[in-house]
Amino acid sequence: MSSLGDFAEPFEHQLLTLGEAAQVLRIGRSLGYQLAHEYLNSGGTSGLPVVRLGEKCLRVPRWALMELATTGRVVRLCDAEAPVGGASDVR
């Protein structure tokens, strides 16, 4: 990703790696992992919102990252409603 404009593309991946999310936030990858583990250990009350896919795979939902980046609000993914136009709209 080269700019925030590229980040807003509608056909981009909806789940980002921790490295990609760290680039968007302009933080180091190590801090991204630290914040992801904080999120998991706090029950979703602080840190970087992540979804665990398998034993070692963590991904950051694009919409949750944008919420954090624009408002500073950490989204508890298990309580969140699906965003408009998300996978829940696919029939």
PDB file of N, CA and C in Angstrom:
ATOM      1  N   MET A   1       0.841  -1.181   0.000  1.00  0.00           N
ATOM      2  CA  MET A   1       0.000   0.000   0.000  1.00  0.00           C
ATOM      3  C   MET A   1       0.883   1.239   0.000  1.00  0.00           C
ATOM      4  N   SER A   2       0.617   2.137  -0.911  1.00  0.00           N
ATOM      5  CA  SER A   2       1.488   3.293  -1.010  1.00  0.00           C
ATOM      6  C   SER A   2       0.872   4.552  -0.416  1.00  0.00           C
ATOM      7  N   SER A   3      -0.440   4.593  -0.283  1.00  0.00           N
ATOM      8  CA  SER A   3      -1.057   5.789   0.293  1.00  0.00           C
ATOM      9  C   SER A   3      -2.400   5.436   0.914  1.00  0.00           C
ATOM     10  N   LEU A   4      -2.916   6.380   1.691  1.00  0.00           N
ATOM     11  CA  LEU A   4      -4.225   6.160   2.309  1.00  0.00           C
ATOM     12  C   LEU A   4      -5.314   6.082   1.251  1.00  0.00           C
ATOM     13  N   GLY A   5      -5.110   6.755   0.112  1.00  0.00           N
ATOM     14  CA  GLY A   5      -6.062   6.668  -0.996  1.00  0.00           C
ATOM     15  C   GLY A   5      -6.187   5.243  -1.507  1.00  0.00           C
ATOM     16  N   ASP A   6      -5.049   4.537  -1.591  1.00  0.00           N
ATOM     17  CA  ASP A   6      -5.075   3.138  -2.003  1.00  0.00           C
ATOM     18  C   ASP A   6      -5.837   2.293  -0.997  1.00  0.00           C
ATOM     19  N   PHE A   7      -5.763   2.671   0.282  1.00  0.00           N
ATOM     20  CA  PHE A   7      -6.422   1.926   1.350  1.00  0.00           C
ATOM     21  C   PHE A   7      -7.939   1.949   1.185  1.00  0.00           C
ATOM     22  N   ALA A   8      -8.478   2.991   0.568  1.00  0.00           N
ATOM     23  CA  ALA A   8      -9.921   3.165   0.457  1.00  0.00           C
ATOM     24  C   ALA A   8     -10.512   2.460  -0.759  1.00  0.00           C
ATOM     25  N   GLU A   9      -9.692   1.828  -1.587  1.00  0.00           N
ATOM     26  CA  GLU A   9     -10.194   1.148  -2.771  1.00  0.00           C
ATOM     27  C   GLU A   9     -11.259   0.119  -2.380  1.00  0.00           C
ATOM     28  N   PRO A  10     -12.411   0.100  -3.062  1.00  0.00           N
ATOM     29  CA  PRO A  10     -13.492  -0.812  -2.670  1.00  0.00           C
ATOM     30  C   PRO A  10     -13.185  -2.284  -2.910  1.00  0.00           C
ATOM     31  N   PHE A  11     -12.244  -2.603  -3.796  1.00  0.00           N
ATOM     32  CA  PHE A  11     -11.979  -3.996  -4.108  1.00  0.00           C
ATOM     33  C   PHE A  11     -10.737  -4.534  -3.397  1.00  0.00           C
ATOM     34  N   GLU A  12     -10.235  -3.792  -2.433  1.00  0.00           N
ATOM     35  CA  GLU A  12      -9.090  -4.246  -1.646  1.00  0.00           C
ATOM     36  C   GLU A  12      -9.532  -5.386  -0.729  1.00  0.00           C
ATOM     37  N   HIS A  13      -8.573  -6.082  -0.186  1.00  0.00           N
ATOM     38  CA  HIS A  13      -8.873  -7.152   0.764  1.00  0.00           C
ATOM     39  C   HIS A  13      -9.533  -6.576   2.007  1.00  0.00           C
ATOM     40  N   GLN A  14     -10.503  -7.274   2.543  1.00  0.00           N
ATOM     41  CA  GLN A  14     -11.217  -6.810   3.728  1.00  0.00           C
ATOM     42  C   GLN A  14     -10.503  -7.185   5.020  1.00  0.00           C
ATOM     43  N   LEU A  15      -9.592  -8.143   4.959  1.00  0.00           N
ATOM     44  CA  LEU A  15      -8.792  -8.533   6.114  1.00  0.00           C
ATOM     45  C   LEU A  15      -7.331  -8.246   5.803  1.00  0.00           C
ATOM     46  N   LEU A  16      -6.691  -7.478   6.672  1.00  0.00           N
ATOM     47  CA  LEU A  16      -5.299  -7.097   6.475  1.00  0.00           C
ATOM     48  C   LEU A  16      -4.389  -7.906   7.381  1.00  0.00           C
ATOM     49  N   THR A  17      -3.158  -8.111   6.948  1.00  0.00           N
ATOM     50  CA  THR A  17      -2.164  -8.705   7.825  1.00  0.00           C
ATOM     51  C   THR A  17      -1.785  -7.657   8.869  1.00  0.00           C
ATOM     52  N   LEU A  18      -1.127  -8.083   9.928  1.00  0.00           N
ATOM     53  CA  LEU A  18      -0.686  -7.133  10.943  1.00  0.00           C
ATOM     54  C   LEU A  18       0.336  -6.157  10.381  1.00  0.00           C
ATOM     55  N   GLY A  19       1.164  -6.627   9.459  1.00  0.00           N
ATOM     56  CA  GLY A  19       2.129  -5.740   8.817  1.00  0.00           C
ATOM     57  C   GLY A  19       1.457  -4.645   8.003  1.00  0.00           C
ATOM     58  N   GLU A  20       0.416  -5.017   7.247  1.00  0.00           N
ATOM     59  CA  GLU A  20      -0.327  -4.025   6.455  1.00  0.00           C
ATOM     60  C   GLU A  20      -1.036  -3.027   7.356  1.00  0.00           C
ATOM     61  N   ALA A  21      -1.649  -3.520   8.428  1.00  0.00           N
ATOM     62  CA  ALA A  21      -2.340  -2.632   9.365  1.00  0.00           C
ATOM     63  C   ALA A  21      -1.352  -1.689  10.040  1.00  0.00           C
ATOM     64  N   ALA A  22      -0.177  -2.196  10.388  1.00  0.00           N
ATOM     65  CA  ALA A  22       0.845  -1.354  11.009  1.00  0.00           C
ATOM     66  C   ALA A  22       1.284  -0.247  10.064  1.00  0.00           C
ATOM     67  N   GLN A  23       1.406  -0.556   8.764  1.00  0.00           N
ATOM     68  CA  GLN A  23       1.762   0.473   7.789  1.00  0.00           C
ATOM     69  C   GLN A  23       0.721   1.578   7.745  1.00  0.00           C
ATOM     70  N   VAL A  24      -0.552   1.197   7.767  1.00  0.00           N
ATOM     71  CA  VAL A  24      -1.631   2.194   7.727  1.00  0.00           C
ATOM     72  C   VAL A  24      -1.554   3.102   8.952  1.00  0.00           C
ATOM     73  N   LEU A  25      -1.293   2.512  10.112  1.00  0.00           N
ATOM     74  CA  LEU A  25      -1.216   3.282  11.354  1.00  0.00           C
ATOM     75  C   LEU A  25       0.133   3.985  11.523  1.00  0.00           C
ATOM     76  N   ARG A  26       1.084   3.675  10.631  1.00  0.00           N
ATOM     77  CA  ARG A  26       2.431   4.244  10.682  1.00  0.00           C
ATOM     78  C   ARG A  26       3.137   3.901  11.986  1.00  0.00           C
ATOM     79  N   ILE A  27       3.020   2.609  12.351  1.00  0.00           N
ATOM     80  CA  ILE A  27       3.721   2.074  13.518  1.00  0.00           C
ATOM     81  C   ILE A  27       4.535   0.883  13.054  1.00  0.00           C
ATOM     82  N   GLY A  28       5.428   0.417  13.883  1.00  0.00           N
ATOM     83  CA  GLY A  28       6.225  -0.760  13.550  1.00  0.00           C
ATOM     84  C   GLY A  28       5.404  -2.037  13.635  1.00  0.00           C
ATOM     85  N   ARG A  29       5.859  -3.043  12.917  1.00  0.00           N
ATOM     86  CA  ARG A  29       5.169  -4.331  12.918  1.00  0.00           C
ATOM     87  C   ARG A  29       5.180  -4.962  14.302  1.00  0.00           C
ATOM     88  N   SER A  30       6.277  -4.806  15.031  1.00  0.00           N
ATOM     89  CA  SER A  30       6.360  -5.373  16.390  1.00  0.00           C
ATOM     90  C   SER A  30       5.322  -4.747  17.307  1.00  0.00           C
ATOM     91  N   LEU A  31       5.141  -3.431  17.203  1.00  0.00           N
ATOM     92  CA  LEU A  31       4.113  -2.767  18.005  1.00  0.00           C
ATOM     93  C   LEU A  31       2.731  -3.238  17.576  1.00  0.00           C
ATOM     94  N   GLY A  32       2.535  -3.476  16.280  1.00  0.00           N
ATOM     95  CA  GLY A  32       1.260  -4.010  15.798  1.00  0.00           C
ATOM     96  C   GLY A  32       0.925  -5.348  16.435  1.00  0.00           C
ATOM     97  N   TYR A  33       1.930  -6.234  16.514  1.00  0.00           N
ATOM     98  CA  TYR A  33       1.716  -7.532  17.159  1.00  0.00           C
ATOM     99  C   TYR A  33       1.442  -7.364  18.654  1.00  0.00           C
ATOM    100  N   GLN A  34       2.168  -6.448  19.283  1.00  0.00           N
ATOM    101  CA  GLN A  34       1.958  -6.190  20.715  1.00  0.00           C
ATOM    102  C   GLN A  34       0.537  -5.707  20.963  1.00  0.00           C
ATOM    103  N   LEU A  35       0.047  -4.797  20.121  1.00  0.00           N
ATOM    104  CA  LEU A  35      -1.317  -4.274  20.277  1.00  0.00           C
ATOM    105  C   LEU A  35      -2.366  -5.329  19.963  1.00  0.00           C
ATOM    106  N   ALA A  36      -2.073  -6.216  19.008  1.00  0.00           N
ATOM    107  CA  ALA A  36      -2.999  -7.308  18.686  1.00  0.00           C
ATOM    108  C   ALA A  36      -3.135  -8.255  19.871  1.00  0.00           C
ATOM    109  N   HIS A  37      -2.024  -8.584  20.508  1.00  0.00           N
ATOM    110  CA  HIS A  37      -2.078  -9.471  21.679  1.00  0.00           C
ATOM    111  C   HIS A  37      -2.755  -8.770  22.862  1.00  0.00           C
ATOM    112  N   GLU A  38      -2.564  -7.464  22.972  1.00  0.00           N
ATOM    113  CA  GLU A  38      -3.280  -6.703  24.009  1.00  0.00           C
ATOM    114  C   GLU A  38      -4.785  -6.804  23.782  1.00  0.00           C
ATOM    115  N   TYR A  39      -5.207  -6.701  22.533  1.00  0.00           N
ATOM    116  CA  TYR A  39      -6.627  -6.811  22.191  1.00  0.00           C
ATOM    117  C   TYR A  39      -7.172  -8.178  22.599  1.00  0.00           C
ATOM    118  N   LEU A  40      -6.441  -9.237  22.248  1.00  0.00           N
ATOM    119  CA  LEU A  40      -6.897 -10.590  22.575  1.00  0.00           C
ATOM    120  C   LEU A  40      -6.930 -10.816  24.082  1.00  0.00           C
ATOM    121  N   ASN A  41      -5.931 -10.322  24.792  1.00  0.00           N
ATOM    122  CA  ASN A  41      -5.843 -10.539  26.237  1.00  0.00           C
ATOM    123  C   ASN A  41      -6.812  -9.667  27.033  1.00  0.00           C
ATOM    124  N   SER A  42      -7.257  -8.544  26.460  1.00  0.00           N
ATOM    125  CA  SER A  42      -8.165  -7.644  27.170  1.00  0.00           C
ATOM    126  C   SER A  42      -9.630  -7.938  26.862  1.00  0.00           C
ATOM    127  N   GLY A  43      -9.888  -8.941  26.047  1.00  0.00           N
ATOM    128  CA  GLY A  43     -11.265  -9.237  25.674  1.00  0.00           C
ATOM    129  C   GLY A  43     -11.832  -8.222  24.700  1.00  0.00           C
ATOM    130  N   GLY A  44     -10.962  -7.526  23.989  1.00  0.00           N
ATOM    131  CA  GLY A  44     -11.419  -6.579  22.981  1.00  0.00           C
ATOM    132  C   GLY A  44     -11.651  -5.174  23.493  1.00  0.00           C
ATOM    133  N   THR A  45     -11.142  -4.846  24.670  1.00  0.00           N
ATOM    134  CA  THR A  45     -11.382  -3.498  25.204  1.00  0.00           C
ATOM    135  C   THR A  45     -10.271  -2.512  24.873  1.00  0.00           C
ATOM    136  N   SER A  46      -9.085  -3.021  24.501  1.00  0.00           N
ATOM    137  CA  SER A  46      -7.991  -2.130  24.117  1.00  0.00           C
ATOM    138  C   SER A  46      -7.082  -2.862  23.142  1.00  0.00           C
ATOM    139  N   GLY A  47      -6.312  -2.110  22.389  1.00  0.00           N
ATOM    140  CA  GLY A  47      -5.383  -2.705  21.443  1.00  0.00           C
ATOM    141  C   GLY A  47      -5.864  -2.586  20.010  1.00  0.00           C
ATOM    142  N   LEU A  48      -5.303  -3.425  19.153  1.00  0.00           N
ATOM    143  CA  LEU A  48      -5.612  -3.436  17.720  1.00  0.00           C
ATOM    144  C   LEU A  48      -6.589  -4.570  17.438  1.00  0.00           C
ATOM    145  N   PRO A  49      -7.794  -4.254  16.948  1.00  0.00           N
ATOM    146  CA  PRO A  49      -8.804  -5.304  16.701  1.00  0.00           C
ATOM    147  C   PRO A  49      -8.312  -6.342  15.700  1.00  0.00           C
ATOM    148  N   VAL A  50      -8.337  -7.596  16.116  1.00  0.00           N
ATOM    149  CA  VAL A  50      -7.904  -8.696  15.252  1.00  0.00           C
ATOM    150  C   VAL A  50      -8.879  -9.854  15.325  1.00  0.00           C
ATOM    151  N   VAL A  51      -8.840 -10.655  14.285  1.00  0.00           N
ATOM    152  CA  VAL A  51      -9.591 -11.904  14.210  1.00  0.00           C
ATOM    153  C   VAL A  51      -8.559 -13.016  14.119  1.00  0.00           C
ATOM    154  N   ARG A  52      -8.718 -14.037  14.933  1.00  0.00           N
ATOM    155  CA  ARG A  52      -7.793 -15.178  14.877  1.00  0.00           C
ATOM    156  C   ARG A  52      -8.365 -16.196  13.899  1.00  0.00           C
ATOM    157  N   LEU A  53      -7.564 -16.551  12.906  1.00  0.00           N
ATOM    158  CA  LEU A  53      -7.931 -17.562  11.919  1.00  0.00           C
ATOM    159  C   LEU A  53      -6.931 -18.707  12.071  1.00  0.00           C
ATOM    160  N   GLY A  54      -7.331 -19.726  12.760  1.00  0.00           N
ATOM    161  CA  GLY A  54      -6.406 -20.820  13.027  1.00  0.00           C
ATOM    162  C   GLY A  54      -5.542 -20.511  14.235  1.00  0.00           C
ATOM    163  N   GLU A  55      -4.516 -21.323  14.416  1.00  0.00           N
ATOM    164  CA  GLU A  55      -3.688 -21.201  15.610  1.00  0.00           C
ATOM    165  C   GLU A  55      -2.787 -19.974  15.600  1.00  0.00           C
ATOM    166  N   LYS A  56      -2.215 -19.635  14.439  1.00  0.00           N
ATOM    167  CA  LYS A  56      -1.216 -18.569  14.403  1.00  0.00           C
ATOM    168  C   LYS A  56      -1.560 -17.414  13.482  1.00  0.00           C
ATOM    169  N   CYS A  57      -2.652 -17.469  12.800  1.00  0.00           N
ATOM    170  CA  CYS A  57      -2.996 -16.445  11.807  1.00  0.00           C
ATOM    171  C   CYS A  57      -3.904 -15.377  12.416  1.00  0.00           C
ATOM    172  N   LEU A  58      -3.429 -14.133  12.430  1.00  0.00           N
ATOM    173  CA  LEU A  58      -4.216 -12.999  12.907  1.00  0.00           C
ATOM    174  C   LEU A  58      -4.458 -12.048  11.746  1.00  0.00           C
ATOM    175  N   ARG A  59      -5.673 -11.533  11.626  1.00  0.00           N
ATOM    176  CA  ARG A  59      -6.006 -10.566  10.585  1.00  0.00           C
ATOM    177  C   ARG A  59      -6.783  -9.407  11.199  1.00  0.00           C
ATOM    178  N   VAL A  60      -6.623  -8.244  10.592  1.00  0.00           N
ATOM    179  CA  VAL A  60      -7.275  -7.025  11.059  1.00  0.00           C
ATOM    180  C   VAL A  60      -8.370  -6.655  10.058  1.00  0.00           C
ATOM    181  N   PRO A  61      -9.639  -6.621  10.479  1.00  0.00           N
ATOM    182  CA  PRO A  61     -10.701  -6.197   9.572  1.00  0.00           C
ATOM    183  C   PRO A  61     -10.490  -4.728   9.175  1.00  0.00           C
ATOM    184  N   ARG A  62     -10.546  -4.477   7.876  1.00  0.00           N
ATOM    185  CA  ARG A  62     -10.306  -3.135   7.341  1.00  0.00           C
ATOM    186  C   ARG A  62     -11.216  -2.091   7.999  1.00  0.00           C
ATOM    187  N   TRP A  63     -12.500  -2.410   8.161  1.00  0.00           N
ATOM    188  CA  TRP A  63     -13.438  -1.423   8.704  1.00  0.00           C
ATOM    189  C   TRP A  63     -13.133  -1.121  10.171  1.00  0.00           C
ATOM    190  N   ALA A  64     -12.686  -2.132  10.932  1.00  0.00           N
ATOM    191  CA  ALA A  64     -12.353  -1.913  12.348  1.00  0.00           C
ATOM    192  C   ALA A  64     -11.081  -1.074  12.468  1.00  0.00           C
ATOM    193  N   LEU A  65     -10.145  -1.283  11.554  1.00  0.00           N
ATOM    194  CA  LEU A  65      -8.923  -0.475  11.540  1.00  0.00           C
ATOM    195  C   LEU A  65      -9.247   0.979  11.216  1.00  0.00           C
ATOM    196  N   MET A  66     -10.137   1.190  10.261  1.00  0.00           N
ATOM    197  CA  MET A  66     -10.526   2.565   9.907  1.00  0.00           C
ATOM    198  C   MET A  66     -11.251   3.238  11.073  1.00  0.00           C
ATOM    199  N   GLU A  67     -12.068   2.494  11.797  1.00  0.00           N
ATOM    200  CA  GLU A  67     -12.745   3.042  12.980  1.00  0.00           C
ATOM    201  C   GLU A  67     -11.710   3.482  14.017  1.00  0.00           C
ATOM    202  N   LEU A  68     -10.715   2.651  14.253  1.00  0.00           N
ATOM    203  CA  LEU A  68      -9.661   2.977  15.204  1.00  0.00           C
ATOM    204  C   LEU A  68      -8.850   4.181  14.725  1.00  0.00           C
ATOM    205  N   ALA A  69      -8.486   4.192  13.452  1.00  0.00           N
ATOM    206  CA  ALA A  69      -7.646   5.266  12.912  1.00  0.00           C
ATOM    207  C   ALA A  69      -8.362   6.609  12.857  1.00  0.00           C
ATOM    208  N   THR A  70      -9.663   6.609  12.617  1.00  0.00           N
ATOM    209  CA  THR A  70     -10.382   7.875  12.457  1.00  0.00           C
ATOM    210  C   THR A  70     -11.033   8.387  13.734  1.00  0.00           C
ATOM    211  N   THR A  71     -11.383   7.485  14.653  1.00  0.00           N
ATOM    212  CA  THR A  71     -12.073   7.933  15.870  1.00  0.00           C
ATOM    213  C   THR A  71     -11.322   7.592  17.150  1.00  0.00           C
ATOM    214  N   GLY A  72     -10.362   6.677  17.065  1.00  0.00           N
ATOM    215  CA  GLY A  72      -9.660   6.226  18.257  1.00  0.00           C
ATOM    216  C   GLY A  72     -10.435   5.187  19.042  1.00  0.00           C
ATOM    217  N   ARG A  73     -11.570   4.782  18.526  1.00  0.00           N
ATOM    218  CA  ARG A  73     -12.437   3.814  19.204  1.00  0.00           C
ATOM    219  C   ARG A  73     -12.021   2.393  18.839  1.00  0.00           C
ATOM    220  N   VAL A  74     -11.814   1.560  19.862  1.00  0.00           N
ATOM    221  CA  VAL A  74     -11.492   0.150  19.646  1.00  0.00           C
ATOM    222  C   VAL A  74     -12.804  -0.624  19.592  1.00  0.00           C
ATOM    223  N   VAL A  75     -13.013  -1.325  18.501  1.00  0.00           N
ATOM    224  CA  VAL A  75     -14.248  -2.081  18.291  1.00  0.00           C
ATOM    225  C   VAL A  75     -14.082  -3.480  18.864  1.00  0.00           C
ATOM    226  N   ARG A  76     -15.038  -3.895  19.712  1.00  0.00           N
ATOM    227  CA  ARG A  76     -15.080  -5.302  20.142  1.00  0.00           C
ATOM    228  C   ARG A  76     -15.775  -6.073  19.043  1.00  0.00           C
ATOM    229  N   LEU A  77     -15.026  -6.840  18.286  1.00  0.00           N
ATOM    230  CA  LEU A  77     -15.554  -7.483  17.086  1.00  0.00           C
ATOM    231  C   LEU A  77     -16.696  -8.443  17.363  1.00  0.00           C
ATOM    232  N   CYS A  78     -16.698  -9.101  18.506  1.00  0.00           N
ATOM    233  CA  CYS A  78     -17.784 -10.036  18.794  1.00  0.00           C
ATOM    234  C   CYS A  78     -19.096  -9.298  19.059  1.00  0.00           C
ATOM    235  N   ASP A  79     -19.032  -8.001  19.399  1.00  0.00           N
ATOM    236  CA  ASP A  79     -20.232  -7.204  19.655  1.00  0.00           C
ATOM    237  C   ASP A  79     -20.626  -6.328  18.466  1.00  0.00           C
ATOM    238  N   ALA A  80     -19.758  -6.232  17.484  1.00  0.00           N
ATOM    239  CA  ALA A  80     -19.966  -5.291  16.385  1.00  0.00           C
ATOM    240  C   ALA A  80     -21.010  -5.793  15.410  1.00  0.00           C
ATOM    241  N   GLU A  81     -21.746  -4.858  14.833  1.00  0.00           N
ATOM    242  CA  GLU A  81     -22.659  -5.171  13.761  1.00  0.00           C
ATOM    243  C   GLU A  81     -21.861  -5.196  12.477  1.00  0.00           C
ATOM    244  N   ALA A  82     -22.285  -6.022  11.525  1.00  0.00           N
ATOM    245  CA  ALA A  82     -21.604  -6.085  10.240  1.00  0.00           C
ATOM    246  C   ALA A  82     -21.762  -4.751   9.534  1.00  0.00           C
ATOM    247  N   PRO A  83     -20.698  -4.228   8.904  1.00  0.00           N
ATOM    248  CA  PRO A  83     -20.808  -2.957   8.197  1.00  0.00           C
ATOM    249  C   PRO A  83     -21.693  -3.095   6.971  1.00  0.00           C
ATOM    250  N   VAL A  84     -22.314  -2.011   6.555  1.00  0.00           N
ATOM    251  CA  VAL A  84     -23.174  -2.004   5.371  1.00  0.00           C
ATOM    252  C   VAL A  84     -22.338  -2.385   4.164  1.00  0.00           C
ATOM    253  N   GLY A  85     -22.852  -3.285   3.351  1.00  0.00           N
ATOM    254  CA  GLY A  85     -22.128  -3.732   2.181  1.00  0.00           C
ATOM    255  C   GLY A  85     -21.135  -4.835   2.473  1.00  0.00           C
ATOM    256  N   GLY A  86     -21.177  -5.361   3.686  1.00  0.00           N
ATOM    257  CA  GLY A  86     -20.243  -6.409   4.101  1.00  0.00           C
ATOM    258  C   GLY A  86     -20.712  -7.781   3.660  1.00  0.00           C
ATOM    259  N   ALA A  87     -20.059  -8.767   4.184  1.00  0.00           N
ATOM    260  CA  ALA A  87     -20.327 -10.158   3.776  1.00  0.00           C
ATOM    261  C   ALA A  87     -21.739 -10.581   4.142  1.00  0.00           C
ATOM    262  N   SER A  88     -22.349  -9.938   5.149  1.00  0.00           N
ATOM    263  CA  SER A  88     -23.705 -10.335   5.548  1.00  0.00           C
ATOM    264  C   SER A  88     -24.742  -9.966   4.496  1.00  0.00           C
ATOM    265  N   ASP A  89     -24.362  -9.058   3.553  1.00  0.00           N
ATOM    266  CA  ASP A  89     -25.296  -8.664   2.511  1.00  0.00           C
ATOM    267  C   ASP A  89     -25.264  -9.610   1.310  1.00  0.00           C
ATOM    268  N   VAL A  90     -24.295 -10.520   1.267  1.00  0.00           N
ATOM    269  CA  VAL A  90     -24.181 -11.452   0.166  1.00  0.00           C
ATOM    270  C   VAL A  90     -25.217 -12.545   0.337  1.00  0.00           C
ATOM    271  N   ARG A  91     -25.977 -12.834  -0.676  1.00  0.00           N
ATOM    272  CA  ARG A  91     -27.025 -13.855  -0.589  1.00  0.00           C
ATOM    273  C   ARG A  91     -26.719 -15.013  -1.491  1.00  0.00           C
TER     274      ARG A  91
END
